[in-house]
Amino acid sequence: MSGLHTNQDVNDVNDVNDVNDVVEVDADIADLIPTYLERGREAIAAVEEALRRQRFDDIRQSGHRLRGTGSMYGFPRLTALGGALEAAATIAAVDAKCDKCDANHGANHGAIQTAAAALAHYLDTVVWRPRPVDVDDSAREP
């Protein structure tokens, strides 16, 4: 499994409430951002359902997608939070297969719920705007 994460990734979700920055996104993709953020919200609902069904791989994949696309769209915080969700689901999946790991079961569910709540909070509160386009004087026509 490449990109295996540690418990530190799961603990990183606590920083989300400290982030009140305005995210500037590339003006060329600004029209895609509302749909992207809405799909992120839909992913949270899917994660909650997958958790009820103990489908940890589905949760891991959702986290992986957010981790992979967050920075691409200009939201590095989504990358970090997606990574935390992916890590929590990976740990929960391993523990679910381990008879000796029953004591961690509740903690792992809690880590997934915490990561999902942090993602939901971020998606509901993030403020973004198109990044101003810099005009390169050397590119101007005479």
N, C-alpha and C. Protein backbone atom coordinates (compact mmCIF):
# COMPACT_ATOMS: atom_id res chain seq x y z
N MET A 1 0.85 -1.17 0.00
CA MET A 1 0.00 0.00 0.00
C MET A 1 0.90 1.23 0.00
N SER A 2 0.97 1.96 -1.08
CA SER A 2 1.83 3.13 -1.13
C SER A 2 1.16 4.31 -0.44
N GLY A 3 1.97 5.19 0.11
CA GLY A 3 1.43 6.38 0.74
C GLY A 3 0.77 6.11 2.08
N LEU A 4 1.16 5.03 2.77
CA LEU A 4 0.58 4.73 4.08
C LEU A 4 0.85 5.88 5.03
N HIS A 5 -0.15 6.25 5.77
CA HIS A 5 -0.05 7.41 6.66
C HIS A 5 0.05 6.97 8.10
N THR A 6 0.41 7.90 8.94
CA THR A 6 0.56 7.63 10.35
C THR A 6 -0.55 8.32 11.13
N ASN A 7 -0.56 8.06 12.43
CA ASN A 7 -1.54 8.73 13.29
C ASN A 7 -1.34 10.24 13.30
N GLN A 8 -0.12 10.72 12.99
CA GLN A 8 0.11 12.16 12.93
C GLN A 8 -0.78 12.80 11.88
N ASP A 9 -0.99 12.10 10.74
CA ASP A 9 -1.88 12.63 9.71
C ASP A 9 -3.28 12.82 10.26
N VAL A 10 -3.73 11.88 11.06
CA VAL A 10 -5.06 11.97 11.66
C VAL A 10 -5.10 13.13 12.65
N ASN A 11 -4.04 13.33 13.41
CA ASN A 11 -4.01 14.41 14.39
C ASN A 11 -3.96 15.79 13.74
N ASP A 12 -3.51 15.88 12.50
CA ASP A 12 -3.40 17.17 11.82
C ASP A 12 -4.74 17.83 11.57
N VAL A 13 -5.84 17.11 11.67
CA VAL A 13 -7.15 17.71 11.41
C VAL A 13 -7.49 18.78 12.44
N ASN A 14 -6.87 18.75 13.60
CA ASN A 14 -7.18 19.73 14.64
C ASN A 14 -6.82 21.14 14.22
N ASP A 15 -5.93 21.30 13.26
CA ASP A 15 -5.51 22.62 12.81
C ASP A 15 -6.56 23.32 11.95
N VAL A 16 -7.57 22.63 11.49
CA VAL A 16 -8.51 23.22 10.53
C VAL A 16 -9.22 24.45 11.08
N ASN A 17 -9.51 24.45 12.36
CA ASN A 17 -10.24 25.58 12.92
C ASN A 17 -9.39 26.85 13.03
N ASP A 18 -8.08 26.69 12.86
CA ASP A 18 -7.18 27.83 12.94
C ASP A 18 -6.99 28.51 11.59
N VAL A 19 -7.58 27.97 10.54
CA VAL A 19 -7.35 28.48 9.19
C VAL A 19 -8.53 29.32 8.76
N ASN A 20 -8.31 30.62 8.63
CA ASN A 20 -9.36 31.53 8.18
C ASN A 20 -8.90 32.32 6.97
N ASP A 21 -7.90 31.82 6.29
CA ASP A 21 -7.36 32.51 5.13
C ASP A 21 -8.36 32.47 3.97
N VAL A 22 -8.22 33.46 3.11
CA VAL A 22 -8.95 33.44 1.86
C VAL A 22 -8.08 32.68 0.87
N VAL A 23 -8.66 31.67 0.27
CA VAL A 23 -7.93 30.87 -0.70
C VAL A 23 -8.06 31.52 -2.07
N GLU A 24 -6.93 31.75 -2.70
CA GLU A 24 -6.93 32.29 -4.06
C GLU A 24 -6.70 31.14 -5.03
N VAL A 25 -7.60 31.01 -5.98
CA VAL A 25 -7.50 29.94 -6.96
C VAL A 25 -7.19 30.54 -8.33
N ASP A 26 -6.63 29.73 -9.16
CA ASP A 26 -6.29 30.14 -10.51
C ASP A 26 -7.57 30.63 -11.20
N ALA A 27 -7.51 31.81 -11.76
CA ALA A 27 -8.69 32.40 -12.41
C ALA A 27 -9.23 31.52 -13.54
N ASP A 28 -8.34 30.75 -14.17
CA ASP A 28 -8.76 29.89 -15.28
C ASP A 28 -9.70 28.76 -14.83
N ILE A 29 -9.66 28.41 -13.55
CA ILE A 29 -10.53 27.32 -13.08
C ILE A 29 -11.56 27.80 -12.06
N ALA A 30 -11.66 29.09 -11.87
CA ALA A 30 -12.58 29.63 -10.86
C ALA A 30 -14.02 29.17 -11.06
N ASP A 31 -14.44 29.00 -12.30
CA ASP A 31 -15.81 28.58 -12.55
C ASP A 31 -16.06 27.12 -12.15
N LEU A 32 -15.00 26.35 -11.94
CA LEU A 32 -15.14 24.95 -11.54
C LEU A 32 -15.23 24.78 -10.02
N ILE A 33 -14.83 25.79 -9.27
CA ILE A 33 -14.69 25.66 -7.83
C ILE A 33 -16.02 25.38 -7.10
N PRO A 34 -17.11 26.06 -7.40
CA PRO A 34 -18.35 25.74 -6.68
C PRO A 34 -18.75 24.26 -6.83
N THR A 35 -18.62 23.72 -8.02
CA THR A 35 -18.95 22.30 -8.23
C THR A 35 -17.97 21.41 -7.49
N TYR A 36 -16.69 21.76 -7.52
CA TYR A 36 -15.68 20.98 -6.81
C TYR A 36 -15.98 20.93 -5.31
N LEU A 37 -16.28 22.07 -4.73
CA LEU A 37 -16.57 22.11 -3.30
C LEU A 37 -17.87 21.37 -2.97
N GLU A 38 -18.85 21.45 -3.85
CA GLU A 38 -20.11 20.71 -3.63
C GLU A 38 -19.85 19.21 -3.69
N ARG A 39 -19.02 18.78 -4.60
CA ARG A 39 -18.69 17.34 -4.66
C ARG A 39 -17.95 16.91 -3.39
N GLY A 40 -17.17 17.80 -2.83
CA GLY A 40 -16.52 17.50 -1.55
C GLY A 40 -17.55 17.29 -0.45
N ARG A 41 -18.58 18.14 -0.44
CA ARG A 41 -19.65 17.99 0.56
C ARG A 41 -20.40 16.66 0.35
N GLU A 42 -20.63 16.31 -0.90
CA GLU A 42 -21.28 15.03 -1.20
C GLU A 42 -20.42 13.86 -0.74
N ALA A 43 -19.10 14.01 -0.86
CA ALA A 43 -18.19 12.95 -0.41
C ALA A 43 -18.31 12.75 1.09
N ILE A 44 -18.53 13.82 1.84
CA ILE A 44 -18.68 13.70 3.29
C ILE A 44 -19.92 12.87 3.62
N ALA A 45 -21.00 13.11 2.92
CA ALA A 45 -22.22 12.32 3.15
C ALA A 45 -21.96 10.85 2.82
N ALA A 46 -21.22 10.59 1.75
CA ALA A 46 -20.89 9.22 1.38
C ALA A 46 -19.98 8.57 2.43
N VAL A 47 -19.07 9.35 2.99
CA VAL A 47 -18.18 8.83 4.04
C VAL A 47 -19.00 8.44 5.27
N GLU A 48 -19.95 9.27 5.64
CA GLU A 48 -20.79 8.96 6.80
C GLU A 48 -21.56 7.67 6.59
N GLU A 49 -22.09 7.47 5.39
CA GLU A 49 -22.81 6.23 5.09
C GLU A 49 -21.84 5.03 5.08
N ALA A 50 -20.68 5.22 4.49
CA ALA A 50 -19.69 4.14 4.45
C ALA A 50 -19.24 3.76 5.86
N LEU A 51 -19.14 4.73 6.75
CA LEU A 51 -18.76 4.43 8.13
C LEU A 51 -19.83 3.59 8.81
N ARG A 52 -21.09 3.92 8.57
CA ARG A 52 -22.18 3.11 9.15
C ARG A 52 -22.09 1.66 8.67
N ARG A 53 -21.65 1.49 7.43
CA ARG A 53 -21.55 0.15 6.85
C ARG A 53 -20.17 -0.49 7.04
N GLN A 54 -19.27 0.25 7.70
CA GLN A 54 -17.90 -0.19 7.93
C GLN A 54 -17.18 -0.51 6.62
N ARG A 55 -17.38 0.32 5.64
CA ARG A 55 -16.73 0.18 4.33
C ARG A 55 -15.53 1.12 4.30
N PHE A 56 -14.49 0.71 5.01
CA PHE A 56 -13.33 1.56 5.22
C PHE A 56 -12.57 1.86 3.93
N ASP A 57 -12.59 0.92 2.99
CA ASP A 57 -11.89 1.19 1.74
C ASP A 57 -12.58 2.31 0.96
N ASP A 58 -13.90 2.37 1.01
CA ASP A 58 -14.62 3.47 0.35
C ASP A 58 -14.23 4.82 0.98
N ILE A 59 -14.11 4.81 2.31
CA ILE A 59 -13.72 6.03 3.01
C ILE A 59 -12.29 6.41 2.64
N ARG A 60 -11.41 5.42 2.61
CA ARG A 60 -10.02 5.66 2.25
C ARG A 60 -9.93 6.27 0.85
N GLN A 61 -10.70 5.72 -0.09
CA GLN A 61 -10.68 6.24 -1.46
C GLN A 61 -11.19 7.68 -1.53
N SER A 62 -12.22 8.00 -0.76
CA SER A 62 -12.72 9.38 -0.74
C SER A 62 -11.65 10.33 -0.21
N GLY A 63 -11.00 9.93 0.86
CA GLY A 63 -9.92 10.75 1.41
C GLY A 63 -8.78 10.89 0.42
N HIS A 64 -8.46 9.80 -0.25
CA HIS A 64 -7.37 9.82 -1.25
C HIS A 64 -7.68 10.79 -2.39
N ARG A 65 -8.93 10.77 -2.85
CA ARG A 65 -9.32 11.70 -3.94
C ARG A 65 -9.19 13.16 -3.50
N LEU A 66 -9.64 13.46 -2.30
CA LEU A 66 -9.53 14.83 -1.80
C LEU A 66 -8.07 15.21 -1.60
N ARG A 67 -7.30 14.27 -1.11
CA ARG A 67 -5.86 14.52 -0.92
C ARG A 67 -5.21 14.81 -2.27
N GLY A 68 -5.62 14.09 -3.29
CA GLY A 68 -5.01 14.24 -4.60
C GLY A 68 -5.46 15.48 -5.36
N THR A 69 -6.67 15.95 -5.10
CA THR A 69 -7.19 17.06 -5.89
C THR A 69 -7.17 18.41 -5.17
N GLY A 70 -7.09 18.40 -3.86
CA GLY A 70 -7.15 19.65 -3.11
C GLY A 70 -6.17 20.70 -3.59
N SER A 71 -4.90 20.35 -3.60
CA SER A 71 -3.87 21.31 -4.03
C SER A 71 -4.00 21.65 -5.51
N MET A 72 -4.41 20.67 -6.29
CA MET A 72 -4.57 20.90 -7.73
C MET A 72 -5.58 22.03 -7.99
N TYR A 73 -6.61 22.09 -7.17
CA TYR A 73 -7.62 23.14 -7.32
C TYR A 73 -7.29 24.39 -6.51
N GLY A 74 -6.18 24.35 -5.78
CA GLY A 74 -5.77 25.52 -5.00
C GLY A 74 -6.16 25.46 -3.53
N PHE A 75 -6.52 24.28 -3.03
CA PHE A 75 -6.95 24.13 -1.65
C PHE A 75 -6.03 23.14 -0.92
N PRO A 76 -4.83 23.58 -0.55
CA PRO A 76 -3.91 22.65 0.12
C PRO A 76 -4.46 22.12 1.44
N ARG A 77 -5.34 22.86 2.09
CA ARG A 77 -5.94 22.38 3.33
C ARG A 77 -6.80 21.15 3.07
N LEU A 78 -7.48 21.11 1.92
CA LEU A 78 -8.25 19.91 1.56
C LEU A 78 -7.32 18.72 1.34
N THR A 79 -6.15 18.98 0.80
CA THR A 79 -5.17 17.91 0.63
C THR A 79 -4.80 17.32 1.98
N ALA A 80 -4.52 18.18 2.94
CA ALA A 80 -4.15 17.71 4.28
C ALA A 80 -5.31 16.97 4.96
N LEU A 81 -6.49 17.52 4.86
CA LEU A 81 -7.65 16.88 5.50
C LEU A 81 -8.03 15.58 4.81
N GLY A 82 -7.93 15.55 3.49
CA GLY A 82 -8.17 14.30 2.77
C GLY A 82 -7.17 13.24 3.17
N GLY A 83 -5.91 13.64 3.37
CA GLY A 83 -4.89 12.70 3.82
C GLY A 83 -5.19 12.17 5.21
N ALA A 84 -5.71 13.03 6.08
CA ALA A 84 -6.07 12.59 7.43
C ALA A 84 -7.22 11.58 7.38
N LEU A 85 -8.20 11.83 6.52
CA LEU A 85 -9.32 10.90 6.37
C LEU A 85 -8.82 9.57 5.80
N GLU A 86 -7.97 9.65 4.81
CA GLU A 86 -7.39 8.44 4.21
C GLU A 86 -6.63 7.63 5.26
N ALA A 87 -5.83 8.33 6.07
CA ALA A 87 -5.05 7.65 7.11
C ALA A 87 -5.96 6.98 8.14
N ALA A 88 -6.97 7.69 8.58
CA ALA A 88 -7.88 7.13 9.58
C ALA A 88 -8.58 5.89 9.05
N ALA A 89 -9.01 5.94 7.80
CA ALA A 89 -9.70 4.78 7.20
C ALA A 89 -8.74 3.62 6.99
N THR A 90 -7.51 3.91 6.63
CA THR A 90 -6.51 2.85 6.44
C THR A 90 -6.25 2.13 7.75
N ILE A 91 -6.08 2.90 8.82
CA ILE A 91 -5.85 2.30 10.14
C ILE A 91 -7.08 1.50 10.58
N ALA A 92 -8.27 2.05 10.36
CA ALA A 92 -9.50 1.34 10.75
C ALA A 92 -9.65 0.05 9.98
N ALA A 93 -9.29 0.04 8.69
CA ALA A 93 -9.40 -1.17 7.87
C ALA A 93 -8.46 -2.25 8.38
N VAL A 94 -7.26 -1.88 8.74
CA VAL A 94 -6.29 -2.85 9.27
C VAL A 94 -6.79 -3.39 10.60
N ASP A 95 -7.24 -2.49 11.46
CA ASP A 95 -7.72 -2.93 12.77
C ASP A 95 -8.97 -3.79 12.67
N ALA A 96 -9.82 -3.54 11.68
CA ALA A 96 -11.04 -4.33 11.51
C ALA A 96 -10.72 -5.78 11.17
N LYS A 97 -9.55 -6.01 10.59
CA LYS A 97 -9.14 -7.37 10.22
C LYS A 97 -8.36 -8.06 11.32
N CYS A 98 -8.11 -7.35 12.40
CA CYS A 98 -7.27 -7.86 13.48
C CYS A 98 -8.13 -8.18 14.69
N ASP A 99 -8.18 -9.47 15.05
CA ASP A 99 -8.99 -9.88 16.20
C ASP A 99 -8.52 -9.23 17.49
N LYS A 100 -7.24 -8.93 17.59
CA LYS A 100 -6.67 -8.38 18.82
C LYS A 100 -6.83 -6.87 18.90
N CYS A 101 -7.39 -6.26 17.89
CA CYS A 101 -7.44 -4.80 17.82
C CYS A 101 -8.81 -4.23 18.18
N ASP A 102 -9.67 -5.03 18.78
CA ASP A 102 -11.02 -4.56 19.10
C ASP A 102 -11.03 -3.30 19.96
N ALA A 103 -10.03 -3.15 20.81
CA ALA A 103 -9.98 -1.98 21.69
C ALA A 103 -9.84 -0.69 20.90
N ASN A 104 -9.27 -0.76 19.71
CA ASN A 104 -9.06 0.44 18.89
C ASN A 104 -10.26 0.76 18.02
N HIS A 105 -11.23 -0.14 17.95
CA HIS A 105 -12.35 0.03 17.03
C HIS A 105 -13.06 1.37 17.21
N GLY A 106 -13.43 1.69 18.43
CA GLY A 106 -14.12 2.95 18.68
C GLY A 106 -13.25 4.16 18.40
N ALA A 107 -11.96 4.04 18.75
CA ALA A 107 -11.05 5.16 18.50
C ALA A 107 -10.89 5.40 17.01
N ASN A 108 -10.85 4.33 16.22
CA ASN A 108 -10.71 4.48 14.78
C ASN A 108 -11.95 5.10 14.15
N HIS A 109 -13.12 4.68 14.61
CA HIS A 109 -14.36 5.32 14.13
C HIS A 109 -14.35 6.79 14.50
N GLY A 110 -13.90 7.07 15.72
CA GLY A 110 -13.83 8.46 16.17
C GLY A 110 -12.87 9.28 15.31
N ALA A 111 -11.75 8.69 14.92
CA ALA A 111 -10.78 9.41 14.08
C ALA A 111 -11.39 9.70 12.71
N ILE A 112 -12.14 8.75 12.17
CA ILE A 112 -12.80 8.98 10.88
C ILE A 112 -13.85 10.08 11.03
N GLN A 113 -14.65 10.00 12.09
CA GLN A 113 -15.68 11.02 12.32
C GLN A 113 -15.06 12.40 12.52
N THR A 114 -13.94 12.47 13.23
CA THR A 114 -13.26 13.74 13.44
C THR A 114 -12.75 14.31 12.12
N ALA A 115 -12.13 13.45 11.32
CA ALA A 115 -11.61 13.90 10.02
C ALA A 115 -12.75 14.35 9.11
N ALA A 116 -13.84 13.60 9.10
CA ALA A 116 -14.99 13.96 8.26
C ALA A 116 -15.61 15.28 8.73
N ALA A 117 -15.70 15.46 10.05
CA ALA A 117 -16.26 16.71 10.60
C ALA A 117 -15.36 17.89 10.25
N ALA A 118 -14.06 17.70 10.32
CA ALA A 118 -13.12 18.77 9.97
C ALA A 118 -13.25 19.13 8.50
N LEU A 119 -13.38 18.12 7.66
CA LEU A 119 -13.59 18.36 6.23
C LEU A 119 -14.88 19.12 5.99
N ALA A 120 -15.95 18.67 6.62
CA ALA A 120 -17.25 19.33 6.44
C ALA A 120 -17.18 20.78 6.90
N HIS A 121 -16.55 21.00 8.04
CA HIS A 121 -16.41 22.37 8.55
C HIS A 121 -15.63 23.24 7.57
N TYR A 122 -14.52 22.71 7.07
CA TYR A 122 -13.71 23.47 6.13
C TYR A 122 -14.51 23.79 4.86
N LEU A 123 -15.18 22.79 4.32
CA LEU A 123 -15.95 23.00 3.08
C LEU A 123 -17.08 24.01 3.28
N ASP A 124 -17.65 24.04 4.48
CA ASP A 124 -18.73 24.98 4.75
C ASP A 124 -18.25 26.40 5.04
N THR A 125 -16.99 26.54 5.42
CA THR A 125 -16.52 27.86 5.84
C THR A 125 -15.42 28.46 4.97
N VAL A 126 -14.87 27.68 4.07
CA VAL A 126 -13.76 28.20 3.26
C VAL A 126 -14.24 29.36 2.40
N VAL A 127 -13.41 30.39 2.34
CA VAL A 127 -13.67 31.55 1.51
C VAL A 127 -12.62 31.54 0.41
N TRP A 128 -13.08 31.70 -0.81
CA TRP A 128 -12.13 31.67 -1.92
C TRP A 128 -12.46 32.79 -2.90
N ARG A 129 -11.47 33.09 -3.72
CA ARG A 129 -11.66 34.08 -4.77
C ARG A 129 -10.65 33.77 -5.88
N PRO A 130 -10.94 34.22 -7.09
CA PRO A 130 -9.97 34.03 -8.17
C PRO A 130 -8.71 34.85 -7.89
N ARG A 131 -7.57 34.26 -8.17
CA ARG A 131 -6.30 34.95 -8.01
C ARG A 131 -6.19 36.02 -9.08
N PRO A 132 -5.82 37.24 -8.70
CA PRO A 132 -5.65 38.28 -9.71
C PRO A 132 -4.61 37.85 -10.74
N VAL A 133 -4.90 38.14 -11.98
CA VAL A 133 -3.99 37.78 -13.06
C VAL A 133 -2.89 38.82 -13.13
N ASP A 134 -1.65 38.34 -13.07
CA ASP A 134 -0.50 39.23 -13.22
C ASP A 134 -0.23 39.42 -14.70
N VAL A 135 -0.11 40.66 -15.10
CA VAL A 135 0.18 40.96 -16.49
C VAL A 135 1.68 41.19 -16.60
N ASP A 136 2.31 40.38 -17.41
CA ASP A 136 3.74 40.48 -17.63
C ASP A 136 3.98 41.58 -18.67
N ASP A 137 4.65 42.65 -18.26
CA ASP A 137 4.88 43.78 -19.16
C ASP A 137 5.59 43.36 -20.44
N SER A 138 6.43 42.34 -20.37
CA SER A 138 7.16 41.93 -21.56
C SER A 138 6.26 41.21 -22.57
N ALA A 139 5.09 40.76 -22.10
CA ALA A 139 4.18 40.05 -23.01
C ALA A 139 3.21 40.98 -23.71
N ARG A 140 3.20 42.24 -23.34
CA ARG A 140 2.27 43.21 -23.97
C ARG A 140 2.68 43.50 -25.40
N GLU A 141 1.67 43.68 -26.21
CA GLU A 141 1.96 44.05 -27.61
C GLU A 141 2.27 45.55 -27.67
N PRO A 142 3.19 45.94 -28.57
CA PRO A 142 3.55 47.37 -28.67
C PRO A 142 2.42 48.20 -29.26
